Structure formats: structure tokens, C-alpha cells
Amino acid sequence: MLIRASIVFCASLTILGCSSDGPSPSTEGQRVDSASAASSTLAGFRDDSRASKFFGTAYGYAVFPKVTKGAAGIGVASGRGEVYQGNALVGYAKLTSVTIGPQLGGQTFSQIIFFQNEFAFNKFTNDQFTGQASAGAVAGQSGGLNLTDYNEGVAIFTINNSGLIAAADIGGQKFEYEAK
């Protein structure tokens, strides 16, 4: 059973990572929408005292305004975002995630990843960074900020936006970066 689940997980992550559309917006309208969504999401993270302290000290960050996850035994999530070095937009990123375990439902959330130093930032922008994804129970709107601190040069915060999901899952996140 564990071997079969591992094969399904690896195959799903490979398929998601090989999707033909890249992380950057393909039209001017999509770029404007991306910038607007990122700006609004960043304002929400900056307003929270627990996350705001990272903006002044981080080497860079990636913000994903809307990550959508659906799950029925296997969970799949995807989202696009913008990458900043200091406060300057330097590129775009795509997040894909696959999780396995008892889970059912769907949700959307926003996520920001802070990079403490140049090494962590370069690891992300060279597509060498992967993260761990897991979820609990979310019902409806929830503005709660999941707290974290730097771990190996990276700090990840999420804000649940909406949805109904119950999960006891394990999996991973894969990121694809494209310079502006």
C-alpha cells in the first residue's frame, strides 16, 4: 500500500511540475491582475504584526495570493505568485502540491515564503527549493495566520481564505521560478 501511494504521489508531482504553462502571466491583463492580487495579499501580511517583522529583514520573498486545493484521498493544489528581492519584483513563481492521506474537500489560501539570506533565495530562484505541505480542518472564511519562524533560511506563512476541508495528509510542494 505504501509503495503504491508513493508511486501515485511521485507521478502526480511529476505531472503537475511538467504542466505546459509557466509561472509568469502571459498577457498584460494577467500581469495587471497578478500585481493587484499580490499587492492586496502583501498588505494583509504586512498588517499582521507576526509576519510584518519579516519584511524588514528578509533578503526576498515569494507571495502566492490564491492557492487552490482539492482533495479526495489525494490532494492537489496549485497557485501562481510573484517573487521579490527586497521590495522589487524580480520574477514569477508557480506552486504545485500533491498530498496523500485521509482528506476530503477543497480550500483556498494565501501563502508567503520569506528568504532570510541570498543562499535561500538563490535556491528558490534556481528551482532547487521544495517545501512540505500539510493541512488540518478548515471551514469557511478563516483569517488566521499560521505562524512560523526561519528554518534553514526560510519562513512560510499561510492565511486560509475559504473552503471546507478535513485532512491528515503528508506531501510536498514544488516551485517553478521564472525571472521577470
Protein backbone atom coordinates (compact mmCIF):
# COMPACT_ATOMS: atom_id res chain seq x y z
CA MET A 1 0.00 0.00 0.00
CA LEU A 2 2.76 2.46 0.94
CA ILE A 3 4.66 1.68 -2.27
CA ARG A 4 1.54 2.24 -4.38
CA ALA A 5 0.81 5.53 -2.62
CA SER A 6 4.42 6.65 -3.12
CA ILE A 7 4.23 5.86 -6.84
CA VAL A 8 0.95 7.77 -7.20
CA PHE A 9 2.42 10.70 -5.26
CA CYS A 10 5.61 10.88 -7.35
CA ALA A 11 3.70 10.50 -10.63
CA SER A 12 1.24 13.25 -9.66
CA LEU A 13 4.02 15.64 -8.63
CA THR A 14 5.86 14.95 -11.89
CA ILE A 15 2.74 15.57 -13.97
CA LEU A 16 1.96 18.80 -12.13
CA GLY A 17 5.54 20.00 -12.47
CA CYS A 18 5.56 19.38 -16.22
CA SER A 19 2.48 21.44 -16.99
CA SER A 20 2.91 23.48 -20.17
CA ASP A 21 2.00 26.86 -18.70
CA GLY A 22 4.81 28.58 -16.85
CA PRO A 23 4.72 30.76 -13.78
CA SER A 24 4.65 34.16 -15.47
CA PRO A 25 1.45 35.82 -16.71
CA SER A 26 1.17 35.54 -20.49
CA THR A 27 -0.82 38.74 -21.20
CA GLU A 28 -0.71 42.33 -19.98
CA GLY A 29 -4.15 41.87 -18.39
CA GLN A 30 -2.91 38.83 -16.45
CA ARG A 31 0.15 40.82 -15.29
CA VAL A 32 -2.11 43.60 -14.00
CA ASP A 33 -4.36 41.06 -12.23
CA SER A 34 -1.31 39.32 -10.73
CA ALA A 35 0.14 42.60 -9.46
CA SER A 36 -3.20 43.64 -7.96
CA ALA A 37 -3.73 40.29 -6.20
CA ALA A 38 -0.14 40.25 -4.91
CA SER A 39 -0.42 43.83 -3.62
CA SER A 40 -3.64 43.08 -1.75
CA THR A 41 -2.23 39.87 -0.27
CA LEU A 42 1.02 41.58 0.77
CA ALA A 43 -0.99 44.29 2.53
CA GLY A 44 -2.73 41.59 4.56
CA PHE A 45 0.56 40.00 5.59
CA ARG A 46 2.11 43.42 6.37
CA ASP A 47 -0.85 44.30 8.61
CA ASP A 48 -0.24 41.27 10.80
CA SER A 49 2.41 42.02 13.43
CA ARG A 50 3.57 38.40 13.45
CA ALA A 51 4.51 38.46 9.75
CA SER A 52 5.33 42.14 9.27
CA LYS A 53 8.69 41.86 11.03
CA PHE A 54 9.99 39.64 8.22
CA PHE A 55 9.56 42.31 5.53
CA GLY A 56 12.30 44.45 7.07
CA THR A 57 14.85 41.66 7.43
CA ALA A 58 14.19 39.19 4.60
CA TYR A 59 16.52 39.07 1.62
CA GLY A 60 13.49 38.34 -0.56
CA TYR A 61 10.06 36.71 -0.61
CA ALA A 62 7.54 34.95 -2.82
CA VAL A 63 3.83 35.68 -2.42
CA PHE A 64 1.03 33.41 -3.68
CA PRO A 65 -2.29 35.32 -3.42
CA LYS A 66 -4.53 32.33 -4.13
CA VAL A 67 -3.60 28.67 -3.87
CA THR A 68 -6.47 26.31 -4.60
CA LYS A 69 -6.55 22.79 -3.16
CA GLY A 70 -8.96 19.95 -3.85
CA ALA A 71 -8.78 16.59 -2.12
CA ALA A 72 -10.41 13.19 -2.21
CA GLY A 73 -7.82 10.78 -0.83
CA ILE A 74 -5.16 12.52 -2.89
CA GLY A 75 -4.94 16.29 -2.64
CA VAL A 76 -3.74 18.54 -5.43
CA ALA A 77 -3.02 22.26 -5.07
CA SER A 78 -1.81 24.93 -7.44
CA GLY A 79 -1.17 28.66 -7.41
CA ARG A 80 0.84 31.41 -9.06
CA GLY A 81 2.67 34.27 -7.43
CA GLU A 82 5.27 36.97 -7.59
CA VAL A 83 8.85 36.95 -6.32
CA TYR A 84 10.53 39.98 -4.77
CA GLN A 85 14.12 40.71 -3.85
CA GLY A 86 13.99 43.46 -1.29
CA ASN A 87 10.81 45.20 -2.39
CA ALA A 88 11.44 44.93 -6.16
CA LEU A 89 9.57 42.44 -8.34
CA VAL A 90 12.17 40.14 -9.91
CA GLY A 91 10.06 37.26 -11.23
CA TYR A 92 7.11 34.93 -11.02
CA ALA A 93 6.59 31.55 -9.40
CA LYS A 94 4.26 28.61 -9.72
CA LEU A 95 3.43 26.36 -6.77
CA THR A 96 2.17 22.81 -7.17
CA SER A 97 1.47 20.39 -4.38
CA VAL A 98 0.36 16.81 -4.02
CA THR A 99 -0.61 15.24 -0.70
CA ILE A 100 -1.73 11.77 0.29
CA GLY A 101 -3.69 10.59 3.29
CA PRO A 102 -7.23 10.80 4.60
CA GLN A 103 -8.60 14.06 3.17
CA LEU A 104 -11.75 15.37 1.55
CA GLY A 105 -12.86 18.81 0.41
CA GLY A 106 -11.44 21.98 -1.05
CA GLN A 107 -9.96 25.24 0.13
CA THR A 108 -8.13 28.35 -0.99
CA PHE A 109 -5.33 30.00 0.91
CA SER A 110 -2.67 32.67 0.51
CA GLN A 111 0.96 31.91 1.20
CA ILE A 112 4.16 33.92 1.56
CA ILE A 113 7.66 32.49 1.73
CA PHE A 114 10.38 34.68 3.23
CA PHE A 115 14.03 34.02 2.37
CA GLN A 116 16.38 35.02 5.16
CA ASN A 117 19.51 35.26 3.03
CA GLU A 118 20.88 35.16 -0.51
CA PHE A 119 21.60 31.42 -0.32
CA ALA A 120 17.94 30.54 0.44
CA PHE A 121 16.69 33.00 -2.19
CA ASN A 122 19.03 31.60 -4.86
CA LYS A 123 17.97 28.05 -4.02
CA PHE A 124 14.36 29.07 -4.71
CA THR A 125 15.09 31.02 -7.90
CA ASN A 126 17.18 28.13 -9.25
CA ASP A 127 14.22 25.72 -8.81
CA GLN A 128 16.04 23.77 -6.08
CA PHE A 129 13.57 24.51 -3.29
CA THR A 130 10.76 22.19 -2.23
CA GLY A 131 8.51 22.55 0.76
CA GLN A 132 6.30 20.34 2.84
CA ALA A 133 2.55 20.72 2.63
CA SER A 134 0.05 19.58 5.22
CA ALA A 135 -3.38 20.72 6.32
CA GLY A 136 -5.83 20.45 9.15
CA ALA A 137 -9.51 21.27 9.16
CA VAL A 138 -10.77 24.49 7.57
CA ALA A 139 -14.41 25.54 7.31
CA GLY A 140 -15.47 28.76 5.61
CA GLN A 141 -13.60 32.04 5.92
CA SER A 142 -10.68 31.95 8.30
CA GLY A 143 -8.32 34.88 8.54
CA GLY A 144 -5.98 33.10 10.94
CA LEU A 145 -2.29 33.32 10.16
CA ASN A 146 -0.32 30.13 10.60
CA LEU A 147 2.82 31.08 12.47
CA THR A 148 6.35 30.05 11.73
CA ASP A 149 9.91 31.32 12.00
CA TYR A 150 13.01 30.88 9.87
CA ASN A 151 14.01 27.25 9.40
CA GLU A 152 17.07 26.70 7.23
CA GLY A 153 16.75 30.25 5.90
CA VAL A 154 13.05 30.04 5.01
CA ALA A 155 9.87 31.14 6.82
CA ILE A 156 6.44 30.23 5.44
CA PHE A 157 3.13 31.83 6.45
CA THR A 158 -0.34 30.93 5.20
CA ILE A 159 -3.74 32.55 5.58
CA ASN A 160 -6.77 30.36 4.94
CA ASN A 161 -9.22 32.18 2.67
CA SER A 162 -12.21 29.87 2.29
CA GLY A 163 -13.33 26.32 1.84
CA LEU A 164 -14.22 23.17 3.68
CA ILE A 165 -11.55 20.53 4.04
CA ALA A 166 -10.58 17.90 6.56
CA ALA A 167 -7.20 16.31 6.14
CA ALA A 168 -4.50 14.30 7.87
CA ASP A 169 -2.13 14.34 4.95
CA ILE A 170 1.51 14.44 4.04
CA GLY A 171 3.08 15.63 0.84
CA GLY A 172 5.25 18.22 -0.77
CA GLN A 173 5.26 21.49 -2.62
CA LYS A 174 7.25 22.08 -5.78
CA PHE A 175 8.07 25.54 -7.09
CA GLU A 176 8.96 26.80 -10.56
CA TYR A 177 10.57 30.24 -10.93
CA GLU A 178 10.80 32.49 -13.98
CA ALA A 179 12.68 35.81 -13.98
CA LYS A 180 10.73 38.94 -14.91
